[in-house]
Amino acid sequence: MAVDDDLLRKNPFEFQLNTVVVNDSVTREAITRKQERTFLEFIKNDKHFCRYYEGIYILFKTGLRISEFVGLTESDVDFESEKIRVNHQLQRKRDMEYIIEETKTDNGERYVPMTKEVMECFRYIMDNRKNPKIEPIIFDKNGTAYKKFLYLDKNGMPMVALHWEKYFQHICEKYNKTFKEELPKITPHVCRHTFCSNMAKSGMNPKTLQYII
């Protein structure tokens, strides 16, 4: 386009990219409704992984980014309006520093509707959340304090994306060892793709779906 508009004399990228860069990426696609049900049912009935069922169910049914999900605090879940306020995300740097960042959403904040089942999952998580000796508090760059994160690790700190990536990996490995019919690779981001795909197939208005995602 720049060449066509005489902004550039010639296109410096006029070559086939695959002759220069090896494509080693893995396409992350949505799974089918049947695979989603199978995956959730397996987690629900597994003695070890059942503790993560509610969180994974929420990821499938809200389309939240994993960094947004782990950043949720109890005050972000509004049972009266049946909506989740999403205005930040939680990250952990290599030096183990926890940071609160803005979301990737253009206006910085959005509200995601909850079904009755999603609300029940949130209530279960909150009711069964163990209170640590010291409640972790994380500040954003403006000095705003965030506390009462939904999931804490064994050290009493908020779980981060890496925790959930590992849980998904171990669950898939255990399922595929147990049953002959293997599931595809499922990650938190696949949950987001799946939610988007399911909502589109259900006839949700594209603008509404775009806003939720």
Protein backbone atom coordinates (compact mmCIF):
# COMPACT_ATOMS: atom_id res chain seq x y z
CA MET A 1 0.00 0.00 0.00
CA ALA A 2 2.87 2.37 0.80
CA VAL A 3 4.40 1.68 -2.63
CA ASP A 4 1.03 2.19 -4.35
CA ASP A 5 0.58 5.52 -2.56
CA ASP A 6 4.13 6.64 -3.54
CA LEU A 7 5.20 6.77 0.10
CA LEU A 8 7.93 4.20 -0.63
CA ARG A 9 9.91 3.80 -3.84
CA LYS A 10 10.11 0.02 -3.51
CA ASN A 11 8.82 -2.67 -1.16
CA PRO A 12 11.70 -3.93 1.03
CA PHE A 13 9.65 -7.00 1.96
CA GLU A 14 9.02 -8.26 -1.53
CA PHE A 15 10.05 -11.82 -0.86
CA GLN A 16 8.41 -14.96 0.46
CA LEU A 17 8.53 -14.89 4.26
CA ASN A 18 8.69 -18.68 4.49
CA THR A 19 12.05 -18.64 2.70
CA VAL A 20 13.52 -16.51 5.49
CA VAL A 21 11.67 -17.48 8.68
CA VAL A 22 10.79 -21.02 9.68
CA ASN A 23 7.17 -21.24 10.77
CA ASP A 24 7.24 -23.21 14.02
CA SER A 25 4.04 -21.74 15.43
CA VAL A 26 1.19 -23.92 16.63
CA THR A 27 -2.31 -22.89 15.60
CA ARG A 28 -4.59 -22.53 18.61
CA GLU A 29 -8.10 -23.38 17.57
CA ALA A 30 -11.39 -23.74 19.33
CA ILE A 31 -12.43 -27.21 20.42
CA THR A 32 -15.87 -28.67 19.75
CA ARG A 33 -18.73 -28.50 22.23
CA LYS A 34 -18.42 -32.25 22.76
CA GLN A 35 -14.69 -31.95 23.54
CA GLU A 36 -15.41 -29.09 25.92
CA ARG A 37 -18.05 -31.14 27.78
CA THR A 38 -15.74 -34.17 27.88
CA PHE A 39 -12.84 -32.09 29.21
CA LEU A 40 -14.94 -30.40 31.91
CA GLU A 41 -16.59 -33.66 32.96
CA PHE A 42 -13.20 -35.32 33.34
CA ILE A 43 -11.93 -32.48 35.55
CA LYS A 44 -15.08 -32.47 37.67
CA ASN A 45 -14.76 -36.20 38.41
CA ASP A 46 -11.00 -36.29 38.94
CA LYS A 47 -10.00 -36.43 42.62
CA HIS A 48 -6.95 -34.22 42.13
CA PHE A 49 -7.92 -31.77 39.38
CA CYS A 50 -11.53 -31.21 40.52
CA ARG A 51 -10.25 -28.29 42.65
CA TYR A 52 -9.70 -26.34 39.42
CA TYR A 53 -13.06 -27.18 37.82
CA GLU A 54 -14.81 -23.90 38.66
CA GLY A 55 -11.95 -21.76 37.37
CA ILE A 56 -11.68 -23.67 34.10
CA TYR A 57 -15.48 -23.61 33.67
CA ILE A 58 -15.39 -19.80 34.05
CA LEU A 59 -12.65 -19.52 31.41
CA PHE A 60 -14.73 -21.52 28.94
CA LYS A 61 -17.91 -19.54 29.62
CA THR A 62 -16.61 -15.97 29.78
CA GLY A 63 -13.80 -15.74 27.22
CA LEU A 64 -11.54 -13.96 29.71
CA ARG A 65 -7.84 -13.76 29.02
CA ILE A 66 -5.95 -15.83 31.58
CA SER A 67 -4.08 -12.75 32.82
CA GLU A 68 -7.44 -11.03 33.37
CA PHE A 69 -8.87 -14.06 35.15
CA VAL A 70 -5.98 -14.42 37.61
CA GLY A 71 -6.17 -10.68 38.26
CA LEU A 72 -9.82 -10.81 39.33
CA THR A 73 -10.58 -9.88 42.92
CA GLU A 74 -13.78 -10.49 44.84
CA SER A 75 -14.86 -6.88 44.26
CA ASP A 76 -14.70 -7.39 40.47
CA VAL A 77 -17.53 -9.94 40.55
CA ASP A 78 -20.91 -8.20 40.80
CA PHE A 79 -23.62 -10.74 41.58
CA GLU A 80 -26.37 -8.11 41.56
CA SER A 81 -25.78 -6.93 38.00
CA GLU A 82 -24.54 -10.42 36.99
CA LYS A 83 -21.41 -8.96 35.43
CA ILE A 84 -17.64 -9.21 35.81
CA ARG A 85 -15.70 -5.95 35.77
CA VAL A 86 -12.50 -6.36 33.77
CA ASN A 87 -10.18 -3.37 34.08
CA HIS A 88 -6.76 -4.87 34.87
CA GLN A 89 -4.60 -7.95 34.47
CA LEU A 90 -2.07 -9.64 36.73
CA GLN A 91 1.41 -10.55 35.54
CA ARG A 92 4.47 -12.02 37.26
CA LYS A 93 7.87 -11.03 35.94
CA ARG A 94 10.94 -13.27 35.73
CA ASP A 95 12.27 -11.85 38.98
CA MET A 96 8.99 -13.01 40.61
CA GLU A 97 7.68 -9.44 40.94
CA TYR A 98 3.89 -9.24 40.69
CA ILE A 99 2.52 -6.35 38.65
CA ILE A 100 -0.94 -5.05 37.82
CA GLU A 101 -1.31 -3.76 34.26
CA GLU A 102 -4.11 -2.33 32.16
CA THR A 103 -6.02 -4.73 29.92
CA LYS A 104 -5.51 -4.92 26.18
CA THR A 105 -9.04 -3.55 25.74
CA ASP A 106 -9.10 -0.19 23.93
CA ASN A 107 -11.08 1.69 26.57
CA GLY A 108 -9.33 -0.11 29.45
CA GLU A 109 -12.51 -1.48 30.99
CA ARG A 110 -15.34 -3.77 29.99
CA TYR A 111 -18.11 -5.75 31.68
CA VAL A 112 -18.57 -9.43 30.91
CA PRO A 113 -22.03 -10.95 31.59
CA MET A 114 -22.31 -14.06 33.76
CA THR A 115 -24.67 -17.00 33.45
CA LYS A 116 -26.20 -18.51 36.59
CA GLU A 117 -23.71 -21.39 36.35
CA VAL A 118 -20.74 -19.00 36.17
CA MET A 119 -22.04 -17.11 39.21
CA GLU A 120 -22.34 -20.39 41.12
CA CYS A 121 -18.71 -21.16 40.26
CA PHE A 122 -17.58 -17.77 41.55
CA ARG A 123 -19.56 -18.23 44.76
CA TYR A 124 -18.01 -21.67 45.28
CA ILE A 125 -14.50 -20.28 44.75
CA MET A 126 -15.09 -17.44 47.22
CA ASP A 127 -16.75 -19.68 49.83
CA ASN A 128 -13.88 -22.19 49.70
CA ARG A 129 -11.02 -19.70 49.45
CA LYS A 130 -8.54 -20.19 52.28
CA ASN A 131 -7.66 -17.00 54.11
CA PRO A 132 -3.87 -16.61 54.21
CA LYS A 133 -2.04 -15.36 57.30
CA ILE A 134 -1.13 -12.25 55.35
CA GLU A 135 -3.49 -11.15 52.58
CA PRO A 136 -1.40 -10.34 49.49
CA ILE A 137 -1.81 -6.79 48.20
CA ILE A 138 -0.48 -5.70 44.83
CA PHE A 139 -0.35 -2.08 43.68
CA ASP A 140 -0.63 -0.78 40.16
CA LYS A 141 1.51 2.09 38.83
CA ASN A 142 -1.03 4.62 40.16
CA GLY A 143 -0.84 3.23 43.68
CA THR A 144 -4.24 1.52 43.59
CA ALA A 145 -4.28 -1.55 45.84
CA TYR A 146 -5.66 -4.91 44.68
CA LYS A 147 -6.41 -7.67 47.17
CA LYS A 148 -8.67 -10.68 47.73
CA PHE A 149 -7.54 -12.45 44.57
CA LEU A 150 -9.67 -15.53 43.87
CA TYR A 151 -6.91 -18.16 43.69
CA LEU A 152 -3.78 -18.29 45.83
CA ASP A 153 -0.81 -20.63 45.46
CA LYS A 154 0.85 -22.69 48.22
CA ASN A 155 2.86 -19.63 49.28
CA GLY A 156 -0.27 -17.55 49.77
CA MET A 157 0.38 -15.44 46.66
CA PRO A 158 -2.02 -14.98 43.72
CA MET A 159 -1.86 -17.69 41.09
CA VAL A 160 -0.63 -16.47 37.72
CA ALA A 161 -1.04 -17.59 34.11
CA LEU A 162 1.83 -20.10 34.36
CA HIS A 163 0.02 -22.04 37.10
CA TRP A 164 -3.03 -22.52 34.91
CA GLU A 165 -1.01 -23.34 31.80
CA LYS A 166 0.58 -26.19 33.76
CA TYR A 167 -2.76 -27.40 35.16
CA PHE A 168 -4.21 -27.59 31.64
CA GLN A 169 -1.13 -29.46 30.42
CA HIS A 170 -1.25 -32.03 33.23
CA ILE A 171 -5.01 -32.53 32.85
CA CYS A 172 -4.67 -33.20 29.11
CA GLU A 173 -1.79 -35.59 29.71
CA LYS A 174 -3.73 -37.51 32.35
CA TYR A 175 -6.86 -37.68 30.16
CA ASN A 176 -4.91 -38.92 27.15
CA LYS A 177 -3.19 -41.59 29.23
CA THR A 178 -6.52 -42.74 30.64
CA PHE A 179 -8.59 -42.88 27.45
CA LYS A 180 -7.90 -44.14 23.95
CA GLU A 181 -9.54 -41.13 22.27
CA GLU A 182 -7.09 -38.28 22.83
CA LEU A 183 -8.07 -34.66 23.29
CA PRO A 184 -6.27 -31.93 21.32
CA LYS A 185 -3.97 -29.54 23.13
CA ILE A 186 -6.17 -27.36 25.36
CA THR A 187 -4.85 -24.18 26.97
CA PRO A 188 -6.48 -21.20 28.68
CA HIS A 189 -6.28 -19.36 25.35
CA VAL A 190 -8.12 -22.22 23.64
CA CYS A 191 -10.93 -21.61 26.16
CA ARG A 192 -11.14 -18.04 24.87
CA HIS A 193 -11.23 -19.20 21.24
CA THR A 194 -13.89 -21.77 22.12
CA PHE A 195 -16.09 -19.24 23.91
CA CYS A 196 -15.87 -16.90 20.94
CA SER A 197 -16.70 -19.70 18.49
CA ASN A 198 -19.65 -20.96 20.57
CA MET A 199 -21.14 -17.49 20.97
CA ALA A 200 -20.82 -16.78 17.26
CA LYS A 201 -22.51 -20.08 16.40
CA SER A 202 -25.27 -19.29 18.90
CA GLY A 203 -26.10 -16.13 16.94
CA MET A 204 -24.70 -13.49 19.29
CA ASN A 205 -24.49 -10.05 17.71
CA PRO A 206 -20.91 -9.66 16.40
CA LYS A 207 -20.54 -6.20 17.98
CA THR A 208 -21.64 -7.57 21.37
CA LEU A 209 -19.20 -10.47 21.06
CA GLN A 210 -16.42 -8.09 20.04
CA TYR A 211 -17.09 -6.01 23.17
CA ILE A 212 -17.12 -9.04 25.50
CA ILE A 213 -13.91 -10.42 24.00
